[in-house]
């Protein structure tokens, strides 16, 4: 793997690795509390290692991953400045407030995105939060597309680290939203629903009728959004 997280505290390791994975658009991330075990999981072309500041010098000394960039968190990040001055691979120092159970999620996410995408333009205001980077954008047109989209959404939610029951619930909600956008939303030239009369019919949508299905996560929350162009939900008065 090309992205790794090293943290001796296993609770922090699991939470932080979810944030890194989300910020990397759900790329595979190696996570371990043992340096040698993590080193064995990383490819020679490793791009990023995120770790506790106490292990930063050890990570920088690893051979075989010469191009990996390092982001480190610490309760006293100023102590890492001397190390950063000596080794320009240490590119991000993340403060960890002693009153919090882990480093701030938005700082981990921002460091991850900036290191993996150095060509990005200026930092947006939303980037200083954990954010909701889009991990999938799907456009189901027919029955096969809908089944494939739901399978992909379920697999991605599972990869975020969600429990099986959460995966099932999110997939169920996504299914209902997609069905609404497919059968209830589209209208004809007279403003009449085209497909609402039979939800069991195999419908193939026209280009302008295809909904957009998005999955986003910041490592702590998972969001699913289904958008259609018709906007026919009645308003409550």
C-alpha atoms as a PDB file:
ATOM      1  CA  UNK A   1       0.000   0.000   0.000  1.00  0.00           C
ATOM      2  CA  UNK A   2       1.107   3.579  -0.553  1.00  0.00           C
ATOM      3  CA  UNK A   3      -0.549   5.235   2.475  1.00  0.00           C
ATOM      4  CA  UNK A   4       0.126   4.240   6.073  1.00  0.00           C
ATOM      5  CA  UNK A   5      -0.913   5.262   9.587  1.00  0.00           C
ATOM      6  CA  UNK A   6       1.232   4.442  12.622  1.00  0.00           C
ATOM      7  CA  UNK A   7      -0.163   5.040  16.110  1.00  0.00           C
ATOM      8  CA  UNK A   8       0.505   3.046  19.303  1.00  0.00           C
ATOM      9  CA  UNK A   9      -2.924   3.871  20.762  1.00  0.00           C
ATOM     10  CA  UNK A  10      -5.252   1.482  18.951  1.00  0.00           C
ATOM     11  CA  UNK A  11      -8.404   3.520  19.499  1.00  0.00           C
ATOM     12  CA  UNK A  12      -6.734   6.578  17.974  1.00  0.00           C
ATOM     13  CA  UNK A  13      -5.256   4.401  15.224  1.00  0.00           C
ATOM     14  CA  UNK A  14      -8.662   3.158  14.085  1.00  0.00           C
ATOM     15  CA  UNK A  15     -10.327   6.580  14.180  1.00  0.00           C
ATOM     16  CA  UNK A  16      -7.468   8.428  12.514  1.00  0.00           C
ATOM     17  CA  UNK A  17      -7.058   5.817   9.784  1.00  0.00           C
ATOM     18  CA  UNK A  18     -10.737   6.218   8.895  1.00  0.00           C
ATOM     19  CA  UNK A  19     -10.225   9.957   8.482  1.00  0.00           C
ATOM     20  CA  UNK A  20      -7.115   9.426   6.333  1.00  0.00           C
ATOM     21  CA  UNK A  21      -8.939   6.855   4.210  1.00  0.00           C
ATOM     22  CA  UNK A  22     -11.864   9.222   3.687  1.00  0.00           C
ATOM     23  CA  UNK A  23      -9.592  12.152   2.813  1.00  0.00           C
ATOM     24  CA  UNK A  24      -7.800   9.904   0.294  1.00  0.00           C
ATOM     25  CA  UNK A  25     -11.149   9.205  -1.378  1.00  0.00           C
ATOM     26  CA  UNK A  26     -11.371   5.740   0.214  1.00  0.00           C
ATOM     27  CA  UNK A  27      -8.006   4.563  -1.080  1.00  0.00           C
ATOM     28  CA  UNK A  28      -6.616   1.551   0.761  1.00  0.00           C
ATOM     29  CA  UNK A  29      -4.704   2.582   3.884  1.00  0.00           C
ATOM     30  CA  UNK A  30      -2.332   0.394   5.908  1.00  0.00           C
ATOM     31  CA  UNK A  31      -2.784   0.985   9.637  1.00  0.00           C
ATOM     32  CA  UNK A  32      -0.802  -0.602  12.470  1.00  0.00           C
ATOM     33  CA  UNK A  33       0.397   0.051  15.999  1.00  0.00           C
ATOM     34  CA  UNK A  34       3.728  -1.685  15.368  1.00  0.00           C
ATOM     35  CA  UNK A  35       6.311   0.138  13.204  1.00  0.00           C
ATOM     36  CA  UNK A  36       7.831  -3.019  11.716  1.00  0.00           C
ATOM     37  CA  UNK A  37       4.404  -4.404  10.818  1.00  0.00           C
ATOM     38  CA  UNK A  38       3.391  -1.184   9.089  1.00  0.00           C
ATOM     39  CA  UNK A  39       6.705  -0.979   7.262  1.00  0.00           C
ATOM     40  CA  UNK A  40       6.091  -4.435   5.855  1.00  0.00           C
ATOM     41  CA  UNK A  41       2.734  -3.382   4.439  1.00  0.00           C
ATOM     42  CA  UNK A  42       4.024  -0.343   2.559  1.00  0.00           C
ATOM     43  CA  UNK A  43       5.096  -0.444  -1.055  1.00  0.00           C
ATOM     44  CA  UNK A  44       8.437   1.069  -2.118  1.00  0.00           C
ATOM     45  CA  UNK A  45       6.428   3.801  -3.831  1.00  0.00           C
ATOM     46  CA  UNK A  46       4.705   4.819  -0.593  1.00  0.00           C
ATOM     47  CA  UNK A  47       3.380   8.378  -0.779  1.00  0.00           C
ATOM     48  CA  UNK A  48       2.299   9.222   2.759  1.00  0.00           C
ATOM     49  CA  UNK A  49       2.845   8.036   6.329  1.00  0.00           C
ATOM     50  CA  UNK A  50       0.857   9.655   9.140  1.00  0.00           C
ATOM     51  CA  UNK A  51       2.131   8.991  12.646  1.00  0.00           C
ATOM     52  CA  UNK A  52       2.562  10.144  16.217  1.00  0.00           C
ATOM     53  CA  UNK A  53       5.374  12.657  16.553  1.00  0.00           C
ATOM     54  CA  UNK A  54       7.273  10.248  18.816  1.00  0.00           C
ATOM     55  CA  UNK A  55       7.659   7.916  15.828  1.00  0.00           C
ATOM     56  CA  UNK A  56       8.375  10.517  13.156  1.00  0.00           C
ATOM     57  CA  UNK A  57      12.165  10.148  13.277  1.00  0.00           C
ATOM     58  CA  UNK A  58      11.848   6.362  13.109  1.00  0.00           C
ATOM     59  CA  UNK A  59       9.581   6.593  10.046  1.00  0.00           C
ATOM     60  CA  UNK A  60      11.939   9.007   8.304  1.00  0.00           C
ATOM     61  CA  UNK A  61      14.773   6.533   8.852  1.00  0.00           C
ATOM     62  CA  UNK A  62      12.992   3.721   7.029  1.00  0.00           C
ATOM     63  CA  UNK A  63      14.838   2.609   3.927  1.00  0.00           C
ATOM     64  CA  UNK A  64      13.023   1.638   0.762  1.00  0.00           C
ATOM     65  CA  UNK A  65      10.405   4.401   0.901  1.00  0.00           C
ATOM     66  CA  UNK A  66      12.515   7.413  -0.062  1.00  0.00           C
ATOM     67  CA  UNK A  67       9.707   9.507  -1.531  1.00  0.00           C
ATOM     68  CA  UNK A  68       7.097   9.106   1.210  1.00  0.00           C
ATOM     69  CA  UNK A  69       5.946  12.318   2.837  1.00  0.00           C
ATOM     70  CA  UNK A  70       5.297  12.308   6.579  1.00  0.00           C
ATOM     71  CA  UNK A  71       2.628  14.055   8.630  1.00  0.00           C
ATOM     72  CA  UNK A  72       2.968  13.823  12.414  1.00  0.00           C
ATOM     73  CA  UNK A  73       0.778  14.808  15.323  1.00  0.00           C
ATOM     74  CA  UNK A  74       1.871  15.699  18.820  1.00  0.00           C
ATOM     75  CA  UNK A  75       0.749  17.431  21.999  1.00  0.00           C
ATOM     76  CA  UNK A  76       3.879  19.563  21.541  1.00  0.00           C
ATOM     77  CA  UNK A  77       4.358  19.930  17.773  1.00  0.00           C
ATOM     78  CA  UNK A  78       6.977  22.659  18.205  1.00  0.00           C
ATOM     79  CA  UNK A  79       9.350  19.894  19.314  1.00  0.00           C
ATOM     80  CA  UNK A  80       9.122  18.497  15.769  1.00  0.00           C
ATOM     81  CA  UNK A  81      10.266  21.728  14.127  1.00  0.00           C
ATOM     82  CA  UNK A  82      13.960  20.843  14.412  1.00  0.00           C
ATOM     83  CA  UNK A  83      13.282  17.483  12.778  1.00  0.00           C
ATOM     84  CA  UNK A  84      11.305  19.164   9.979  1.00  0.00           C
ATOM     85  CA  UNK A  85      14.203  21.558   9.387  1.00  0.00           C
ATOM     86  CA  UNK A  86      16.580  18.612   8.989  1.00  0.00           C
ATOM     87  CA  UNK A  87      14.325  16.498   6.775  1.00  0.00           C
ATOM     88  CA  UNK A  88      11.999  18.095   4.245  1.00  0.00           C
ATOM     89  CA  UNK A  89       9.927  14.903   3.985  1.00  0.00           C
ATOM     90  CA  UNK A  90       8.250  15.876   7.252  1.00  0.00           C
ATOM     91  CA  UNK A  91       5.801  18.259   5.652  1.00  0.00           C
ATOM     92  CA  UNK A  92       2.927  18.581   8.116  1.00  0.00           C
ATOM     93  CA  UNK A  93       2.934  19.087  11.906  1.00  0.00           C
ATOM     94  CA  UNK A  94      -0.467  18.556  13.512  1.00  0.00           C
ATOM     95  CA  UNK A  95      -1.183  19.833  16.999  1.00  0.00           C
ATOM     96  CA  UNK A  96      -3.043  17.412  19.268  1.00  0.00           C
ATOM     97  CA  UNK A  97      -4.840  19.273  22.088  1.00  0.00           C
ATOM     98  CA  UNK A  98      -4.296  17.359  25.312  1.00  0.00           C
ATOM     99  CA  UNK A  99      -7.988  17.640  26.197  1.00  0.00           C
ATOM    100  CA  UNK A 100      -9.072  15.787  23.057  1.00  0.00           C
ATOM    101  CA  UNK A 101      -9.044  12.032  22.531  1.00  0.00           C
ATOM    102  CA  UNK A 102      -7.379  12.305  19.108  1.00  0.00           C
ATOM    103  CA  UNK A 103      -5.985  14.977  16.778  1.00  0.00           C
ATOM    104  CA  UNK A 104      -8.643  17.123  15.140  1.00  0.00           C
ATOM    105  CA  UNK A 105     -10.179  15.223  12.239  1.00  0.00           C
ATOM    106  CA  UNK A 106     -10.207  18.238   9.907  1.00  0.00           C
ATOM    107  CA  UNK A 107      -6.459  18.772  10.384  1.00  0.00           C
ATOM    108  CA  UNK A 108      -5.700  15.145   9.547  1.00  0.00           C
ATOM    109  CA  UNK A 109      -8.003  15.325   6.521  1.00  0.00           C
ATOM    110  CA  UNK A 110      -6.528  18.605   5.285  1.00  0.00           C
ATOM    111  CA  UNK A 111      -2.938  17.367   5.635  1.00  0.00           C
ATOM    112  CA  UNK A 112      -3.808  14.161   3.795  1.00  0.00           C
ATOM    113  CA  UNK A 113      -5.480  15.933   0.894  1.00  0.00           C
ATOM    114  CA  UNK A 114      -2.750  18.542   0.527  1.00  0.00           C
ATOM    115  CA  UNK A 115       0.032  15.928   0.526  1.00  0.00           C
ATOM    116  CA  UNK A 116      -1.690  13.546  -1.881  1.00  0.00           C
ATOM    117  CA  UNK A 117      -2.829  16.351  -4.191  1.00  0.00           C
ATOM    118  CA  UNK A 118      -0.056  18.973  -4.096  1.00  0.00           C
ATOM    119  CA  UNK A 119      -1.319  20.438  -7.375  1.00  0.00           C
ATOM    120  CA  UNK A 120      -4.600  21.494  -5.738  1.00  0.00           C
ATOM    121  CA  UNK A 121      -5.536  25.143  -5.855  1.00  0.00           C
ATOM    122  CA  UNK A 122      -6.048  27.343  -2.829  1.00  0.00           C
ATOM    123  CA  UNK A 123      -7.517  25.875   0.321  1.00  0.00           C
ATOM    124  CA  UNK A 124     -11.273  26.394   0.547  1.00  0.00           C
ATOM    125  CA  UNK A 125     -13.011  27.306   3.782  1.00  0.00           C
ATOM    126  CA  UNK A 126     -14.673  23.885   3.814  1.00  0.00           C
ATOM    127  CA  UNK A 127     -11.209  22.291   3.850  1.00  0.00           C
ATOM    128  CA  UNK A 128     -10.601  23.362   7.433  1.00  0.00           C
ATOM    129  CA  UNK A 129     -13.295  20.969   8.542  1.00  0.00           C
ATOM    130  CA  UNK A 130     -13.283  17.223   8.127  1.00  0.00           C
ATOM    131  CA  UNK A 131     -15.431  17.940   5.087  1.00  0.00           C
ATOM    132  CA  UNK A 132     -17.420  15.559   2.932  1.00  0.00           C
ATOM    133  CA  UNK A 133     -15.255  14.635  -0.030  1.00  0.00           C
ATOM    134  CA  UNK A 134     -17.229  12.791  -2.696  1.00  0.00           C
ATOM    135  CA  UNK A 135     -16.106   9.178  -2.784  1.00  0.00           C
ATOM    136  CA  UNK A 136     -18.536   8.086  -5.499  1.00  0.00           C
ATOM    137  CA  UNK A 137     -20.770   9.747  -8.071  1.00  0.00           C
ATOM    138  CA  UNK A 138     -23.100   7.401  -9.915  1.00  0.00           C
ATOM    139  CA  UNK A 139     -25.782   7.923 -12.571  1.00  0.00           C
ATOM    140  CA  UNK A 140     -28.088   4.886 -12.694  1.00  0.00           C
ATOM    141  CA  UNK A 141     -30.133   4.799 -15.893  1.00  0.00           C
ATOM    142  CA  UNK A 142     -31.755   1.369 -15.824  1.00  0.00           C
ATOM    143  CA  UNK A 143     -32.344  -1.628 -13.555  1.00  0.00           C
ATOM    144  CA  UNK A 144     -28.856  -3.033 -14.031  1.00  0.00           C
ATOM    145  CA  UNK A 145     -27.305   0.367 -13.249  1.00  0.00           C
ATOM    146  CA  UNK A 146     -29.408   0.665 -10.094  1.00  0.00           C
ATOM    147  CA  UNK A 147     -28.374  -2.758  -8.829  1.00  0.00           C
ATOM    148  CA  UNK A 148     -24.728  -2.047  -9.619  1.00  0.00           C
ATOM    149  CA  UNK A 149     -24.896   1.369  -7.946  1.00  0.00           C
ATOM    150  CA  UNK A 150     -26.367  -0.045  -4.745  1.00  0.00           C
ATOM    151  CA  UNK A 151     -23.737  -2.796  -4.667  1.00  0.00           C
ATOM    152  CA  UNK A 152     -20.962  -0.217  -5.112  1.00  0.00           C
ATOM    153  CA  UNK A 153     -22.405   2.061  -2.439  1.00  0.00           C
ATOM    154  CA  UNK A 154     -22.665  -0.839  -0.007  1.00  0.00           C
ATOM    155  CA  UNK A 155     -19.069  -1.883  -0.673  1.00  0.00           C
ATOM    156  CA  UNK A 156     -17.792   1.673  -0.167  1.00  0.00           C
ATOM    157  CA  UNK A 157     -19.749   2.159   3.062  1.00  0.00           C
ATOM    158  CA  UNK A 158     -18.343  -1.140   4.316  1.00  0.00           C
ATOM    159  CA  UNK A 159     -14.843   0.072   3.437  1.00  0.00           C
ATOM    160  CA  UNK A 160     -15.340   3.167   5.605  1.00  0.00           C
ATOM    161  CA  UNK A 161     -15.372   0.845   8.605  1.00  0.00           C
ATOM    162  CA  UNK A 162     -19.114   0.958   9.246  1.00  0.00           C
ATOM    163  CA  UNK A 163     -20.778  -1.966  11.031  1.00  0.00           C
ATOM    164  CA  UNK A 164     -22.805  -4.418   8.945  1.00  0.00           C
ATOM    165  CA  UNK A 165     -26.109  -3.102  10.282  1.00  0.00           C
ATOM    166  CA  UNK A 166     -25.112   0.455   9.352  1.00  0.00           C
ATOM    167  CA  UNK A 167     -24.123  -0.670   5.855  1.00  0.00           C
ATOM    168  CA  UNK A 168     -27.519  -2.353   5.470  1.00  0.00           C
ATOM    169  CA  UNK A 169     -29.426   0.725   6.681  1.00  0.00           C
ATOM    170  CA  UNK A 170     -27.545   3.166   4.452  1.00  0.00           C
ATOM    171  CA  UNK A 171     -27.994   0.894   1.446  1.00  0.00           C
ATOM    172  CA  UNK A 172     -31.720   0.615   2.198  1.00  0.00           C
ATOM    173  CA  UNK A 173     -32.113   4.385   2.387  1.00  0.00           C
ATOM    174  CA  UNK A 174     -30.109   4.830  -0.833  1.00  0.00           C
ATOM    175  CA  UNK A 175     -32.340   2.278  -2.564  1.00  0.00           C
ATOM    176  CA  UNK A 176     -35.488   4.178  -1.588  1.00  0.00           C
ATOM    177  CA  UNK A 177     -34.033   7.523  -2.691  1.00  0.00           C
ATOM    178  CA  UNK A 178     -32.982   6.079  -6.051  1.00  0.00           C
ATOM    179  CA  UNK A 179     -36.412   4.496  -6.543  1.00  0.00           C
ATOM    180  CA  UNK A 180     -38.081   7.833  -5.795  1.00  0.00           C
ATOM    181  CA  UNK A 181     -35.819   9.633  -8.264  1.00  0.00           C
ATOM    182  CA  UNK A 182     -36.464   6.955 -10.882  1.00  0.00           C
ATOM    183  CA  UNK A 183     -40.197   6.339 -10.623  1.00  0.00           C
ATOM    184  CA  UNK A 184     -41.736   9.336  -8.850  1.00  0.00           C
ATOM    185  CA  UNK A 185     -39.701  12.296 -10.092  1.00  0.00           C
ATOM    186  CA  UNK A 186     -39.712  12.228 -13.938  1.00  0.00           C
ATOM    187  CA  UNK A 187     -42.631  13.989 -15.645  1.00  0.00           C
ATOM    188  CA  UNK A 188     -43.728  14.380 -19.248  1.00  0.00           C
ATOM    189  CA  UNK A 189     -44.380  17.587 -21.197  1.00  0.00           C
ATOM    190  CA  UNK A 190     -47.791  17.948 -19.520  1.00  0.00           C
ATOM    191  CA  UNK A 191     -46.283  17.677 -16.032  1.00  0.00           C
ATOM    192  CA  UNK A 192     -47.639  14.188 -15.470  1.00  0.00           C
ATOM    193  CA  UNK A 193     -45.517  11.434 -13.843  1.00  0.00           C
ATOM    194  CA  UNK A 194     -44.113   9.082 -16.461  1.00  0.00           C
ATOM    195  CA  UNK A 195     -43.287   5.986 -14.414  1.00  0.00           C
ATOM    196  CA  UNK A 196     -45.040   6.273 -11.057  1.00  0.00           C
ATOM    197  CA  UNK A 197     -47.861   3.951 -12.088  1.00  0.00           C
ATOM    198  CA  UNK A 198     -45.722   0.793 -11.820  1.00  0.00           C
ATOM    199  CA  UNK A 199     -42.584   0.538  -9.667  1.00  0.00           C
ATOM    200  CA  UNK A 200     -42.020  -3.035 -10.832  1.00  0.00           C
ATOM    201  CA  UNK A 201     -41.614  -1.993 -14.472  1.00  0.00           C
ATOM    202  CA  UNK A 202     -38.085  -2.065 -15.895  1.00  0.00           C
ATOM    203  CA  UNK A 203     -37.508   1.602 -16.622  1.00  0.00           C
ATOM    204  CA  UNK A 204     -34.690   3.037 -18.743  1.00  0.00           C
ATOM    205  CA  UNK A 205     -34.398   6.757 -18.112  1.00  0.00           C
ATOM    206  CA  UNK A 206     -33.738   9.385 -20.764  1.00  0.00           C
ATOM    207  CA  UNK A 207     -30.574  11.482 -20.417  1.00  0.00           C
ATOM    208  CA  UNK A 208     -32.315  14.399 -18.698  1.00  0.00           C
ATOM    209  CA  UNK A 209     -34.062  12.058 -16.259  1.00  0.00           C
ATOM    210  CA  UNK A 210     -31.013  10.241 -14.856  1.00  0.00           C
ATOM    211  CA  UNK A 211     -30.466  11.072 -11.160  1.00  0.00           C
ATOM    212  CA  UNK A 212     -27.062  11.724  -9.602  1.00  0.00           C
ATOM    213  CA  UNK A 213     -26.175   9.499  -6.649  1.00  0.00           C
ATOM    214  CA  UNK A 214     -23.302  10.653  -4.428  1.00  0.00           C
ATOM    215  CA  UNK A 215     -21.611   9.067  -1.444  1.00  0.00           C
ATOM    216  CA  UNK A 216     -19.397  11.182   0.802  1.00  0.00           C
ATOM    217  CA  UNK A 217     -17.572  10.562   4.065  1.00  0.00           C
ATOM    218  CA  UNK A 218     -15.176  12.379   6.373  1.00  0.00           C
ATOM    219  CA  UNK A 219     -14.227   9.262   8.322  1.00  0.00           C
ATOM    220  CA  UNK A 220     -16.776   9.984  11.044  1.00  0.00           C
ATOM    221  CA  UNK A 221     -20.018  10.376   9.097  1.00  0.00           C
ATOM    222  CA  UNK A 222     -21.306   8.877   5.865  1.00  0.00           C
ATOM    223  CA  UNK A 223     -23.731  10.797   3.657  1.00  0.00           C
ATOM    224  CA  UNK A 224     -25.721   9.706   0.628  1.00  0.00           C
ATOM    225  CA  UNK A 225     -27.344  12.258  -1.662  1.00  0.00           C
ATOM    226  CA  UNK A 226     -29.628  11.519  -4.607  1.00  0.00           C
ATOM    227  CA  UNK A 227     -30.453  14.459  -6.870  1.00  0.00           C
ATOM    228  CA  UNK A 228     -32.975  14.703  -9.704  1.00  0.00           C
ATOM    229  CA  UNK A 229     -33.796  17.714 -11.857  1.00  0.00           C
ATOM    230  CA  UNK A 230     -37.554  17.736 -11.307  1.00  0.00           C
ATOM    231  CA  UNK A 231     -37.983  19.008  -7.755  1.00  0.00           C
ATOM    232  CA  UNK A 232     -41.503  17.710  -7.305  1.00  0.00           C
ATOM    233  CA  UNK A 233     -41.590  17.150  -3.543  1.00  0.00           C
ATOM    234  CA  UNK A 234     -44.720  18.899  -2.224  1.00  0.00           C
ATOM    235  CA  UNK A 235     -44.237  21.711   0.286  1.00  0.00           C
ATOM    236  CA  UNK A 236     -45.868  21.521   3.702  1.00  0.00           C
ATOM    237  CA  UNK A 237     -47.961  24.548   4.647  1.00  0.00           C
END
